[in-house]
């Protein structure tokens, strides 16, 4: 018998913040394993096959013995798009980890979860053995997130944030968040649709904020999220904040102390995404041009946009003479 309870849409829409679509209060979260469960886990861990070495009948007995542990995992995985075999692999791997830890996953500390999920893909394989593959890690992370057991995704190193966000929040919700960010930045000359680093950062922000909604993000939260990031990801958080400010979700972008620019004006260009020689040409033109100040600023923005596009698509072109 499954305990899956998906919250009605009207209930999910109450308040601004996302909550897991799995009804977490429906489960027995006692971390202590019963004798029956210990025996089932022992049989599972000693086998060379996913659900035991005794065929279908043996697999059924093991699954029945572990029903209290298995139901929440399968309920969460039922909400995650993907192949049944990948979801089944993740469920078996998580139960085997319960045997190694000597308690149900509800009682695992953050550090235990981090060890099971792996700080790297290589560590995940080392910890979980030959019965898992690369896809299993994403499904296990999604289960931990949906069950509210572990959501500190930044502690797990490099992995596909966009894929995980879509597993957790759903394809439609994630794409609804990515699209306006892409459109805003593309209007300023960023190749946002092809910038996988930027889209990864957007999804990381959604996952850390535990909501797929852009209007749940705050300047304080984004500033906290970008601390400790690589230089590249910090610049992506800055770009995201600019898009959110343009969309009306933030009063001003991160790192900007001056009032918001007048309506219709463009945000300052990020010149570290443009070849230095091109930037030098633009500065020399601006300093010698006799055009009106507003016209010079508009042309400078257009020239820097062209330089950003060249740097992304034709990096060998670094000066107007080319």
C-alpha atoms as a PDB file:
ATOM      1  CA  UNK A   1       0.000   0.000   0.000  1.00  0.00           C
ATOM      2  CA  UNK A   2       1.403   3.380  -1.007  1.00  0.00           C
ATOM      3  CA  UNK A   3       1.227   6.494   1.137  1.00  0.00           C
ATOM      4  CA  UNK A   4       1.550   8.968  -1.736  1.00  0.00           C
ATOM      5  CA  UNK A   5      -0.549  12.062  -1.212  1.00  0.00           C
ATOM      6  CA  UNK A   6      -0.159  14.898  -3.690  1.00  0.00           C
ATOM      7  CA  UNK A   7      -1.390  18.206  -2.382  1.00  0.00           C
ATOM      8  CA  UNK A   8      -4.324  19.738  -4.291  1.00  0.00           C
ATOM      9  CA  UNK A   9      -3.317  22.616  -6.535  1.00  0.00           C
ATOM     10  CA  UNK A  10      -5.350  25.101  -4.530  1.00  0.00           C
ATOM     11  CA  UNK A  11      -3.484  24.084  -1.386  1.00  0.00           C
ATOM     12  CA  UNK A  12      -0.118  24.229  -3.137  1.00  0.00           C
ATOM     13  CA  UNK A  13      -0.847  27.799  -4.240  1.00  0.00           C
ATOM     14  CA  UNK A  14      -1.478  29.041  -0.693  1.00  0.00           C
ATOM     15  CA  UNK A  15       1.380  31.339   0.284  1.00  0.00           C
ATOM     16  CA  UNK A  16       4.356  32.191  -1.842  1.00  0.00           C
ATOM     17  CA  UNK A  17       6.803  29.415  -1.022  1.00  0.00           C
ATOM     18  CA  UNK A  18       6.995  25.977  -2.577  1.00  0.00           C
ATOM     19  CA  UNK A  19       6.487  22.875  -0.491  1.00  0.00           C
ATOM     20  CA  UNK A  20       7.141  19.293  -1.495  1.00  0.00           C
ATOM     21  CA  UNK A  21       4.198  17.733  -3.363  1.00  0.00           C
ATOM     22  CA  UNK A  22       4.696  14.606  -1.226  1.00  0.00           C
ATOM     23  CA  UNK A  23       2.698  14.659   2.020  1.00  0.00           C
ATOM     24  CA  UNK A  24       5.597  14.065   4.380  1.00  0.00           C
ATOM     25  CA  UNK A  25       3.462  13.657   7.494  1.00  0.00           C
ATOM     26  CA  UNK A  26       1.950  10.456   6.099  1.00  0.00           C
ATOM     27  CA  UNK A  27       5.033   8.335   6.848  1.00  0.00           C
ATOM     28  CA  UNK A  28       6.489   6.541   9.835  1.00  0.00           C
ATOM     29  CA  UNK A  29       9.836   8.354  10.219  1.00  0.00           C
ATOM     30  CA  UNK A  30      11.232   6.294  13.076  1.00  0.00           C
ATOM     31  CA  UNK A  31      14.944   5.925  12.224  1.00  0.00           C
ATOM     32  CA  UNK A  32      15.207   2.640  14.156  1.00  0.00           C
ATOM     33  CA  UNK A  33      15.088  -0.461  11.980  1.00  0.00           C
ATOM     34  CA  UNK A  34      12.832  -3.325  13.028  1.00  0.00           C
ATOM     35  CA  UNK A  35      14.190  -6.864  13.145  1.00  0.00           C
ATOM     36  CA  UNK A  36      12.142  -7.702  10.046  1.00  0.00           C
ATOM     37  CA  UNK A  37      13.657  -4.704   8.213  1.00  0.00           C
ATOM     38  CA  UNK A  38      17.179  -5.585   9.300  1.00  0.00           C
ATOM     39  CA  UNK A  39      16.775  -9.081   7.916  1.00  0.00           C
ATOM     40  CA  UNK A  40      15.417  -7.733   4.615  1.00  0.00           C
ATOM     41  CA  UNK A  41      18.271  -5.237   4.314  1.00  0.00           C
ATOM     42  CA  UNK A  42      20.818  -7.913   5.106  1.00  0.00           C
ATOM     43  CA  UNK A  43      19.472 -10.142   2.343  1.00  0.00           C
ATOM     44  CA  UNK A  44      19.494  -7.188  -0.049  1.00  0.00           C
ATOM     45  CA  UNK A  45      23.032  -6.086   0.767  1.00  0.00           C
ATOM     46  CA  UNK A  46      24.460  -9.612   0.347  1.00  0.00           C
ATOM     47  CA  UNK A  47      22.955 -10.081  -3.099  1.00  0.00           C
ATOM     48  CA  UNK A  48      24.558  -9.451  -6.486  1.00  0.00           C
ATOM     49  CA  UNK A  49      21.279  -8.362  -8.081  1.00  0.00           C
ATOM     50  CA  UNK A  50      19.246  -5.236  -7.535  1.00  0.00           C
ATOM     51  CA  UNK A  51      16.501  -6.862  -5.443  1.00  0.00           C
ATOM     52  CA  UNK A  52      18.156 -10.067  -4.299  1.00  0.00           C
ATOM     53  CA  UNK A  53      19.362 -13.307  -5.800  1.00  0.00           C
ATOM     54  CA  UNK A  54      16.185 -15.383  -5.291  1.00  0.00           C
ATOM     55  CA  UNK A  55      14.204 -14.351  -8.333  1.00  0.00           C
ATOM     56  CA  UNK A  56      10.842 -12.625  -8.346  1.00  0.00           C
ATOM     57  CA  UNK A  57       9.502 -14.324  -5.238  1.00  0.00           C
ATOM     58  CA  UNK A  58      12.601 -13.438  -3.271  1.00  0.00           C
ATOM     59  CA  UNK A  59      12.504  -9.845  -4.539  1.00  0.00           C
ATOM     60  CA  UNK A  60       8.853  -9.594  -3.482  1.00  0.00           C
ATOM     61  CA  UNK A  61       9.679 -10.821   0.027  1.00  0.00           C
ATOM     62  CA  UNK A  62      12.491  -8.295   0.393  1.00  0.00           C
ATOM     63  CA  UNK A  63      10.319  -5.438  -0.849  1.00  0.00           C
ATOM     64  CA  UNK A  64       7.486  -6.450   1.481  1.00  0.00           C
ATOM     65  CA  UNK A  65       9.873  -6.536   4.441  1.00  0.00           C
ATOM     66  CA  UNK A  66      11.111  -3.036   3.580  1.00  0.00           C
ATOM     67  CA  UNK A  67       7.742  -1.520   2.701  1.00  0.00           C
ATOM     68  CA  UNK A  68       7.935   1.204   5.398  1.00  0.00           C
ATOM     69  CA  UNK A  69      11.240   2.408   3.952  1.00  0.00           C
ATOM     70  CA  UNK A  70      10.398   1.800   0.314  1.00  0.00           C
ATOM     71  CA  UNK A  71       7.004   3.531   0.079  1.00  0.00           C
ATOM     72  CA  UNK A  72       8.221   7.118   0.679  1.00  0.00           C
ATOM     73  CA  UNK A  73      11.064   6.645  -1.792  1.00  0.00           C
ATOM     74  CA  UNK A  74       8.818   5.236  -4.496  1.00  0.00           C
ATOM     75  CA  UNK A  75       6.225   7.949  -3.859  1.00  0.00           C
ATOM     76  CA  UNK A  76       8.868  10.630  -4.385  1.00  0.00           C
ATOM     77  CA  UNK A  77      10.265   8.897  -7.461  1.00  0.00           C
ATOM     78  CA  UNK A  78       6.773   8.626  -8.955  1.00  0.00           C
ATOM     79  CA  UNK A  79       6.844  12.420  -9.264  1.00  0.00           C
ATOM     80  CA  UNK A  80      10.226  12.455 -11.012  1.00  0.00           C
ATOM     81  CA  UNK A  81      10.222  12.096 -14.811  1.00  0.00           C
ATOM     82  CA  UNK A  82      12.526   9.476 -16.258  1.00  0.00           C
ATOM     83  CA  UNK A  83      12.949   5.781 -16.913  1.00  0.00           C
ATOM     84  CA  UNK A  84      11.475   3.280 -14.475  1.00  0.00           C
ATOM     85  CA  UNK A  85      14.748   1.339 -14.408  1.00  0.00           C
ATOM     86  CA  UNK A  86      16.676   4.419 -13.257  1.00  0.00           C
ATOM     87  CA  UNK A  87      14.159   5.156 -10.518  1.00  0.00           C
ATOM     88  CA  UNK A  88      14.169   1.514  -9.417  1.00  0.00           C
ATOM     89  CA  UNK A  89      17.965   1.523  -9.280  1.00  0.00           C
ATOM     90  CA  UNK A  90      17.929   4.613  -7.054  1.00  0.00           C
ATOM     91  CA  UNK A  91      15.382   3.075  -4.663  1.00  0.00           C
ATOM     92  CA  UNK A  92      17.430  -0.100  -4.216  1.00  0.00           C
ATOM     93  CA  UNK A  93      20.640   1.893  -3.727  1.00  0.00           C
ATOM     94  CA  UNK A  94      19.078   3.999  -0.986  1.00  0.00           C
ATOM     95  CA  UNK A  95      17.876   0.941   0.907  1.00  0.00           C
ATOM     96  CA  UNK A  96      21.303  -0.677   0.688  1.00  0.00           C
ATOM     97  CA  UNK A  97      22.705   2.512   2.216  1.00  0.00           C
ATOM     98  CA  UNK A  98      20.265   2.078   5.122  1.00  0.00           C
ATOM     99  CA  UNK A  99      21.854  -1.286   5.835  1.00  0.00           C
ATOM    100  CA  UNK A 100      25.352   0.212   5.806  1.00  0.00           C
ATOM    101  CA  UNK A 101      24.320   3.049   8.136  1.00  0.00           C
ATOM    102  CA  UNK A 102      22.283   0.822  10.450  1.00  0.00           C
ATOM    103  CA  UNK A 103      19.231   3.089  10.492  1.00  0.00           C
ATOM    104  CA  UNK A 104      16.483   4.442   8.255  1.00  0.00           C
ATOM    105  CA  UNK A 105      17.352   7.417   6.048  1.00  0.00           C
ATOM    106  CA  UNK A 106      15.022   9.625   8.117  1.00  0.00           C
ATOM    107  CA  UNK A 107      17.682   9.589  10.839  1.00  0.00           C
ATOM    108  CA  UNK A 108      20.715  10.420   8.685  1.00  0.00           C
ATOM    109  CA  UNK A 109      22.680  13.569   9.406  1.00  0.00           C
ATOM    110  CA  UNK A 110      23.551  16.046   6.678  1.00  0.00           C
ATOM    111  CA  UNK A 111      27.081  14.657   6.588  1.00  0.00           C
ATOM    112  CA  UNK A 112      25.820  11.103   6.087  1.00  0.00           C
ATOM    113  CA  UNK A 113      23.592  12.233   3.232  1.00  0.00           C
ATOM    114  CA  UNK A 114      26.518  14.065   1.693  1.00  0.00           C
ATOM    115  CA  UNK A 115      28.604  10.907   1.874  1.00  0.00           C
ATOM    116  CA  UNK A 116      25.883   8.700   0.370  1.00  0.00           C
ATOM    117  CA  UNK A 117      25.101  11.147  -2.451  1.00  0.00           C
ATOM    118  CA  UNK A 118      28.775  11.820  -3.046  1.00  0.00           C
ATOM    119  CA  UNK A 119      30.796  15.011  -2.995  1.00  0.00           C
ATOM    120  CA  UNK A 120      31.729  13.972  -6.532  1.00  0.00           C
ATOM    121  CA  UNK A 121      30.389  11.477  -9.045  1.00  0.00           C
ATOM    122  CA  UNK A 122      33.447   9.289  -8.394  1.00  0.00           C
ATOM    123  CA  UNK A 123      32.749   9.224  -4.648  1.00  0.00           C
ATOM    124  CA  UNK A 124      29.125   8.314  -5.336  1.00  0.00           C
ATOM    125  CA  UNK A 125      30.252   5.271  -7.324  1.00  0.00           C
ATOM    126  CA  UNK A 126      32.790   4.313  -4.665  1.00  0.00           C
ATOM    127  CA  UNK A 127      30.187   4.491  -1.890  1.00  0.00           C
ATOM    128  CA  UNK A 128      27.279   2.813  -3.670  1.00  0.00           C
ATOM    129  CA  UNK A 129      29.018   0.034  -5.547  1.00  0.00           C
ATOM    130  CA  UNK A 130      28.589  -1.477  -9.017  1.00  0.00           C
ATOM    131  CA  UNK A 131      24.772  -1.646  -9.003  1.00  0.00           C
ATOM    132  CA  UNK A 132      24.408   2.093  -9.722  1.00  0.00           C
ATOM    133  CA  UNK A 133      25.305   4.302 -12.659  1.00  0.00           C
ATOM    134  CA  UNK A 134      25.558   8.042 -13.259  1.00  0.00           C
ATOM    135  CA  UNK A 135      21.797   8.494 -13.621  1.00  0.00           C
ATOM    136  CA  UNK A 136      21.181   7.002 -10.183  1.00  0.00           C
ATOM    137  CA  UNK A 137      22.894   9.868  -8.398  1.00  0.00           C
ATOM    138  CA  UNK A 138      20.492  12.480  -9.804  1.00  0.00           C
ATOM    139  CA  UNK A 139      17.468  10.419  -8.768  1.00  0.00           C
ATOM    140  CA  UNK A 140      18.834   9.883  -5.265  1.00  0.00           C
ATOM    141  CA  UNK A 141      19.462  13.623  -4.863  1.00  0.00           C
ATOM    142  CA  UNK A 142      15.910  14.295  -6.072  1.00  0.00           C
ATOM    143  CA  UNK A 143      14.493  11.810  -3.528  1.00  0.00           C
ATOM    144  CA  UNK A 144      16.461  13.394  -0.693  1.00  0.00           C
ATOM    145  CA  UNK A 145      15.194  16.828  -1.745  1.00  0.00           C
ATOM    146  CA  UNK A 146      11.532  15.858  -2.168  1.00  0.00           C
ATOM    147  CA  UNK A 147      11.475  14.017   1.169  1.00  0.00           C
ATOM    148  CA  UNK A 148      13.001  17.050   2.898  1.00  0.00           C
ATOM    149  CA  UNK A 149      16.015  15.054   4.082  1.00  0.00           C
ATOM    150  CA  UNK A 150      18.815  16.902   2.273  1.00  0.00           C
ATOM    151  CA  UNK A 151      18.621  20.080   0.176  1.00  0.00           C
ATOM    152  CA  UNK A 152      22.150  21.479   0.481  1.00  0.00           C
ATOM    153  CA  UNK A 153      22.896  20.798  -3.162  1.00  0.00           C
ATOM    154  CA  UNK A 154      25.974  23.016  -3.251  1.00  0.00           C
ATOM    155  CA  UNK A 155      27.785  20.496  -1.029  1.00  0.00           C
ATOM    156  CA  UNK A 156      27.583  17.881  -3.782  1.00  0.00           C
ATOM    157  CA  UNK A 157      30.043  19.444  -6.220  1.00  0.00           C
ATOM    158  CA  UNK A 158      29.475  19.644  -9.946  1.00  0.00           C
ATOM    159  CA  UNK A 159      26.363  18.089 -11.433  1.00  0.00           C
ATOM    160  CA  UNK A 160      23.557  19.160 -13.777  1.00  0.00           C
ATOM    161  CA  UNK A 161      21.556  21.700 -11.749  1.00  0.00           C
ATOM    162  CA  UNK A 162      19.002  22.239 -14.514  1.00  0.00           C
ATOM    163  CA  UNK A 163      18.214  18.518 -14.731  1.00  0.00           C
ATOM    164  CA  UNK A 164      17.836  18.256 -10.954  1.00  0.00           C
ATOM    165  CA  UNK A 165      15.587  21.321 -10.734  1.00  0.00           C
ATOM    166  CA  UNK A 166      13.337  19.837 -13.402  1.00  0.00           C
ATOM    167  CA  UNK A 167      13.173  16.549 -11.503  1.00  0.00           C
ATOM    168  CA  UNK A 168      12.285  18.300  -8.254  1.00  0.00           C
ATOM    169  CA  UNK A 169      10.056  21.172  -9.381  1.00  0.00           C
ATOM    170  CA  UNK A 170       8.820  19.843 -12.724  1.00  0.00           C
ATOM    171  CA  UNK A 171       9.757  20.756 -16.280  1.00  0.00           C
ATOM    172  CA  UNK A 172       7.033  23.364 -16.700  1.00  0.00           C
ATOM    173  CA  UNK A 173       7.834  25.278 -13.501  1.00  0.00           C
ATOM    174  CA  UNK A 174      11.578  25.403 -14.208  1.00  0.00           C
ATOM    175  CA  UNK A 175      11.172  26.470 -17.825  1.00  0.00           C
ATOM    176  CA  UNK A 176       8.733  29.162 -16.685  1.00  0.00           C
ATOM    177  CA  UNK A 177      11.507  30.550 -14.480  1.00  0.00           C
ATOM    178  CA  UNK A 178      14.296  30.249 -17.063  1.00  0.00           C
ATOM    179  CA  UNK A 179      12.414  31.840 -19.958  1.00  0.00           C
ATOM    180  CA  UNK A 180      11.992  35.413 -18.615  1.00  0.00           C
ATOM    181  CA  UNK A 181      15.623  35.469 -17.431  1.00  0.00           C
ATOM    182  CA  UNK A 182      16.789  34.372 -20.880  1.00  0.00           C
ATOM    183  CA  UNK A 183      14.596  36.932 -22.619  1.00  0.00           C
ATOM    184  CA  UNK A 184      15.710  39.793 -20.385  1.00  0.00           C
ATOM    185  CA  UNK A 185      19.411  39.099 -20.799  1.00  0.00           C
ATOM    186  CA  UNK A 186      19.138  38.364 -24.515  1.00  0.00           C
ATOM    187  CA  UNK A 187      17.643  41.827 -24.955  1.00  0.00           C
ATOM    188  CA  UNK A 188      20.880  43.292 -23.546  1.00  0.00           C
ATOM    189  CA  UNK A 189      23.166  41.285 -25.813  1.00  0.00           C
ATOM    190  CA  UNK A 190      23.847  38.234 -23.648  1.00  0.00           C
ATOM    191  CA  UNK A 191      23.645  34.863 -25.391  1.00  0.00           C
ATOM    192  CA  UNK A 192      21.526  33.711 -22.454  1.00  0.00           C
ATOM    193  CA  UNK A 193      19.767  30.887 -24.250  1.00  0.00           C
ATOM    194  CA  UNK A 194      23.089  29.137 -24.930  1.00  0.00           C
ATOM    195  CA  UNK A 195      24.760  30.060 -21.642  1.00  0.00           C
ATOM    196  CA  UNK A 196      24.586  26.782 -19.778  1.00  0.00           C
ATOM    197  CA  UNK A 197      26.588  28.240 -16.883  1.00  0.00           C
ATOM    198  CA  UNK A 198      24.042  30.983 -16.354  1.00  0.00           C
ATOM    199  CA  UNK A 199      21.080  28.603 -16.595  1.00  0.00           C
ATOM    200  CA  UNK A 200      22.823  26.288 -14.121  1.00  0.00           C
ATOM    201  CA  UNK A 201      23.228  29.217 -11.724  1.00  0.00           C
ATOM    202  CA  UNK A 202      19.545  30.162 -12.039  1.00  0.00           C
ATOM    203  CA  UNK A 203      18.551  26.600 -11.152  1.00  0.00           C
ATOM    204  CA  UNK A 204      21.035  26.486  -8.289  1.00  0.00           C
ATOM    205  CA  UNK A 205      19.433  29.630  -6.884  1.00  0.00           C
ATOM    206  CA  UNK A 206      15.969  28.041  -7.174  1.00  0.00           C
ATOM    207  CA  UNK A 207      17.145  24.849  -5.467  1.00  0.00           C
ATOM    208  CA  UNK A 208      18.933  26.691  -2.650  1.00  0.00           C
ATOM    209  CA  UNK A 209      15.895  28.921  -2.179  1.00  0.00           C
ATOM    210  CA  UNK A 210      13.643  25.822  -2.180  1.00  0.00           C
ATOM    211  CA  UNK A 211      11.195  27.337  -4.643  1.00  0.00           C
ATOM    212  CA  UNK A 212      10.899  27.381  -8.464  1.00  0.00           C
ATOM    213  CA  UNK A 213       9.416  30.896  -8.388  1.00  0.00           C
ATOM    214  CA  UNK A 214      11.541  33.869  -9.387  1.00  0.00           C
ATOM    215  CA  UNK A 215       9.480  36.172  -7.172  1.00  0.00           C
ATOM    216  CA  UNK A 216      10.541  34.142  -4.118  1.00  0.00           C
ATOM    217  CA  UNK A 217      14.172  35.161  -4.676  1.00  0.00           C
ATOM    218  CA  UNK A 218      15.457  38.110  -2.647  1.00  0.00           C
ATOM    219  CA  UNK A 219      18.529  40.322  -2.907  1.00  0.00           C
ATOM    220  CA  UNK A 220      19.690  39.102   0.501  1.00  0.00           C
ATOM    221  CA  UNK A 221      19.293  35.476  -0.532  1.00  0.00           C
ATOM    222  CA  UNK A 222      21.112  35.937  -3.833  1.00  0.00           C
ATOM    223  CA  UNK A 223      23.942  37.768  -2.097  1.00  0.00           C
ATOM    224  CA  UNK A 224      24.268  34.861   0.338  1.00  0.00           C
ATOM    225  CA  UNK A 225      24.138  32.276  -2.462  1.00  0.00           C
ATOM    226  CA  UNK A 226      26.952  33.892  -4.442  1.00  0.00           C
ATOM    227  CA  UNK A 227      29.355  33.854  -1.488  1.00  0.00           C
ATOM    228  CA  UNK A 228      32.002  31.213  -1.884  1.00  0.00           C
ATOM    229  CA  UNK A 229      31.171  30.653  -5.562  1.00  0.00           C
ATOM    230  CA  UNK A 230      33.738  30.557  -8.336  1.00  0.00           C
ATOM    231  CA  UNK A 231      34.378  33.860 -10.094  1.00  0.00           C
ATOM    232  CA  UNK A 232      32.396  32.638 -13.090  1.00  0.00           C
ATOM    233  CA  UNK A 233      29.351  31.680 -11.037  1.00  0.00           C
ATOM    234  CA  UNK A 234      29.507  34.963  -9.095  1.00  0.00           C
ATOM    235  CA  UNK A 235      29.223  36.828 -12.380  1.00  0.00           C
ATOM    236  CA  UNK A 236      26.223  34.678 -13.262  1.00  0.00           C
ATOM    237  CA  UNK A 237      24.516  35.603  -9.990  1.00  0.00           C
ATOM    238  CA  UNK A 238      25.117  39.249 -10.888  1.00  0.00           C
ATOM    239  CA  UNK A 239      23.530  38.726 -14.314  1.00  0.00           C
ATOM    240  CA  UNK A 240      20.585  36.943 -12.711  1.00  0.00           C
ATOM    241  CA  UNK A 241      20.069  39.831 -10.296  1.00  0.00           C
ATOM    242  CA  UNK A 242      20.033  42.275 -13.210  1.00  0.00           C
ATOM    243  CA  UNK A 243      17.359  40.257 -14.954  1.00  0.00           C
ATOM    244  CA  UNK A 244      15.302  40.019 -11.745  1.00  0.00           C
ATOM    245  CA  UNK A 245      15.562  43.783 -11.261  1.00  0.00           C
ATOM    246  CA  UNK A 246      14.399  44.381 -14.831  1.00  0.00           C
ATOM    247  CA  UNK A 247      11.497  41.987 -14.264  1.00  0.00           C
ATOM    248  CA  UNK A 248      10.480  43.889 -11.127  1.00  0.00           C
ATOM    249  CA  UNK A 249      11.368  41.169  -8.609  1.00  0.00           C
ATOM    250  CA  UNK A 250      14.290  43.115  -7.086  1.00  0.00           C
ATOM    251  CA  UNK A 251      14.613  46.826  -6.382  1.00  0.00           C
ATOM    252  CA  UNK A 252      18.131  46.841  -7.822  1.00  0.00           C
ATOM    253  CA  UNK A 253      20.782  44.364  -8.979  1.00  0.00           C
ATOM    254  CA  UNK A 254      23.414  42.970  -6.653  1.00  0.00           C
ATOM    255  CA  UNK A 255      26.374  45.227  -6.105  1.00  0.00           C
ATOM    256  CA  UNK A 256      24.581  48.352  -7.343  1.00  0.00           C
ATOM    257  CA  UNK A 257      24.348  51.112  -4.747  1.00  0.00           C
ATOM    258  CA  UNK A 258      22.978  53.825  -7.021  1.00  0.00           C
ATOM    259  CA  UNK A 259      19.275  54.247  -7.783  1.00  0.00           C
ATOM    260  CA  UNK A 260      17.799  52.207 -10.590  1.00  0.00           C
ATOM    261  CA  UNK A 261      18.460  53.683 -14.052  1.00  0.00           C
ATOM    262  CA  UNK A 262      15.639  55.549 -15.792  1.00  0.00           C
ATOM    263  CA  UNK A 263      13.103  53.520 -17.695  1.00  0.00           C
ATOM    264  CA  UNK A 264      14.360  52.436 -21.085  1.00  0.00           C
ATOM    265  CA  UNK A 265      18.048  52.626 -20.196  1.00  0.00           C
ATOM    266  CA  UNK A 266      20.327  49.593 -20.307  1.00  0.00           C
ATOM    267  CA  UNK A 267      22.239  48.116 -17.358  1.00  0.00           C
ATOM    268  CA  UNK A 268      25.997  48.571 -17.253  1.00  0.00           C
ATOM    269  CA  UNK A 269      27.812  46.195 -19.562  1.00  0.00           C
ATOM    270  CA  UNK A 270      29.853  43.381 -18.085  1.00  0.00           C
ATOM    271  CA  UNK A 271      33.115  44.109 -19.859  1.00  0.00           C
ATOM    272  CA  UNK A 272      34.960  41.023 -18.636  1.00  0.00           C
ATOM    273  CA  UNK A 273      32.922  39.064 -21.210  1.00  0.00           C
ATOM    274  CA  UNK A 274      34.389  41.173 -24.046  1.00  0.00           C
ATOM    275  CA  UNK A 275      37.890  41.053 -25.483  1.00  0.00           C
ATOM    276  CA  UNK A 276      40.076  43.773 -23.963  1.00  0.00           C
ATOM    277  CA  UNK A 277      41.170  45.083 -27.359  1.00  0.00           C
ATOM    278  CA  UNK A 278      37.554  45.599 -28.398  1.00  0.00           C
ATOM    279  CA  UNK A 279      36.781  47.413 -25.129  1.00  0.00           C
ATOM    280  CA  UNK A 280      39.783  49.679 -25.736  1.00  0.00           C
ATOM    281  CA  UNK A 281      38.524  50.604 -29.199  1.00  0.00           C
ATOM    282  CA  UNK A 282      35.083  51.425 -27.770  1.00  0.00           C
ATOM    283  CA  UNK A 283      36.579  53.642 -25.046  1.00  0.00           C
ATOM    284  CA  UNK A 284      38.770  55.487 -27.547  1.00  0.00           C
ATOM    285  CA  UNK A 285      35.788  56.085 -29.832  1.00  0.00           C
ATOM    286  CA  UNK A 286      33.665  57.361 -26.945  1.00  0.00           C
ATOM    287  CA  UNK A 287      36.354  59.745 -25.699  1.00  0.00           C
ATOM    288  CA  UNK A 288      36.830  61.338 -29.153  1.00  0.00           C
ATOM    289  CA  UNK A 289      33.266  61.296 -30.487  1.00  0.00           C
ATOM    290  CA  UNK A 290      31.522  64.654 -31.029  1.00  0.00           C
ATOM    291  CA  UNK A 291      28.036  63.165 -30.788  1.00  0.00           C
ATOM    292  CA  UNK A 292      25.609  64.248 -28.059  1.00  0.00           C
ATOM    293  CA  UNK A 293      26.182  62.507 -24.677  1.00  0.00           C
ATOM    294  CA  UNK A 294      22.970  60.445 -24.836  1.00  0.00           C
ATOM    295  CA  UNK A 295      23.798  59.325 -28.377  1.00  0.00           C
ATOM    296  CA  UNK A 296      27.346  58.372 -27.348  1.00  0.00           C
ATOM    297  CA  UNK A 297      26.029  56.272 -24.457  1.00  0.00           C
ATOM    298  CA  UNK A 298      23.550  54.496 -26.703  1.00  0.00           C
ATOM    299  CA  UNK A 299      26.181  53.761 -29.336  1.00  0.00           C
ATOM    300  CA  UNK A 300      28.660  52.609 -26.686  1.00  0.00           C
ATOM    301  CA  UNK A 301      26.109  50.098 -25.373  1.00  0.00           C
ATOM    302  CA  UNK A 302      25.493  48.791 -28.900  1.00  0.00           C
ATOM    303  CA  UNK A 303      29.219  48.472 -29.571  1.00  0.00           C
ATOM    304  CA  UNK A 304      29.794  46.576 -26.330  1.00  0.00           C
ATOM    305  CA  UNK A 305      26.897  44.269 -27.152  1.00  0.00           C
ATOM    306  CA  UNK A 306      28.559  43.564 -30.497  1.00  0.00           C
ATOM    307  CA  UNK A 307      31.841  42.876 -28.690  1.00  0.00           C
ATOM    308  CA  UNK A 308      30.162  40.475 -26.287  1.00  0.00           C
ATOM    309  CA  UNK A 309      28.574  38.594 -29.177  1.00  0.00           C
ATOM    310  CA  UNK A 310      31.909  38.459 -31.024  1.00  0.00           C
ATOM    311  CA  UNK A 311      33.691  37.159 -27.919  1.00  0.00           C
ATOM    312  CA  UNK A 312      31.119  34.367 -27.577  1.00  0.00           C
ATOM    313  CA  UNK A 313      30.712  33.410 -31.241  1.00  0.00           C
ATOM    314  CA  UNK A 314      33.820  34.698 -33.082  1.00  0.00           C
ATOM    315  CA  UNK A 315      36.574  35.113 -30.475  1.00  0.00           C
ATOM    316  CA  UNK A 316      39.253  35.654 -33.138  1.00  0.00           C
ATOM    317  CA  UNK A 317      37.648  38.992 -34.072  1.00  0.00           C
ATOM    318  CA  UNK A 318      38.948  41.543 -31.577  1.00  0.00           C
ATOM    319  CA  UNK A 319      39.027  44.869 -33.470  1.00  0.00           C
ATOM    320  CA  UNK A 320      36.827  46.825 -35.886  1.00  0.00           C
ATOM    321  CA  UNK A 321      39.372  46.397 -38.676  1.00  0.00           C
ATOM    322  CA  UNK A 322      38.498  42.703 -38.813  1.00  0.00           C
END
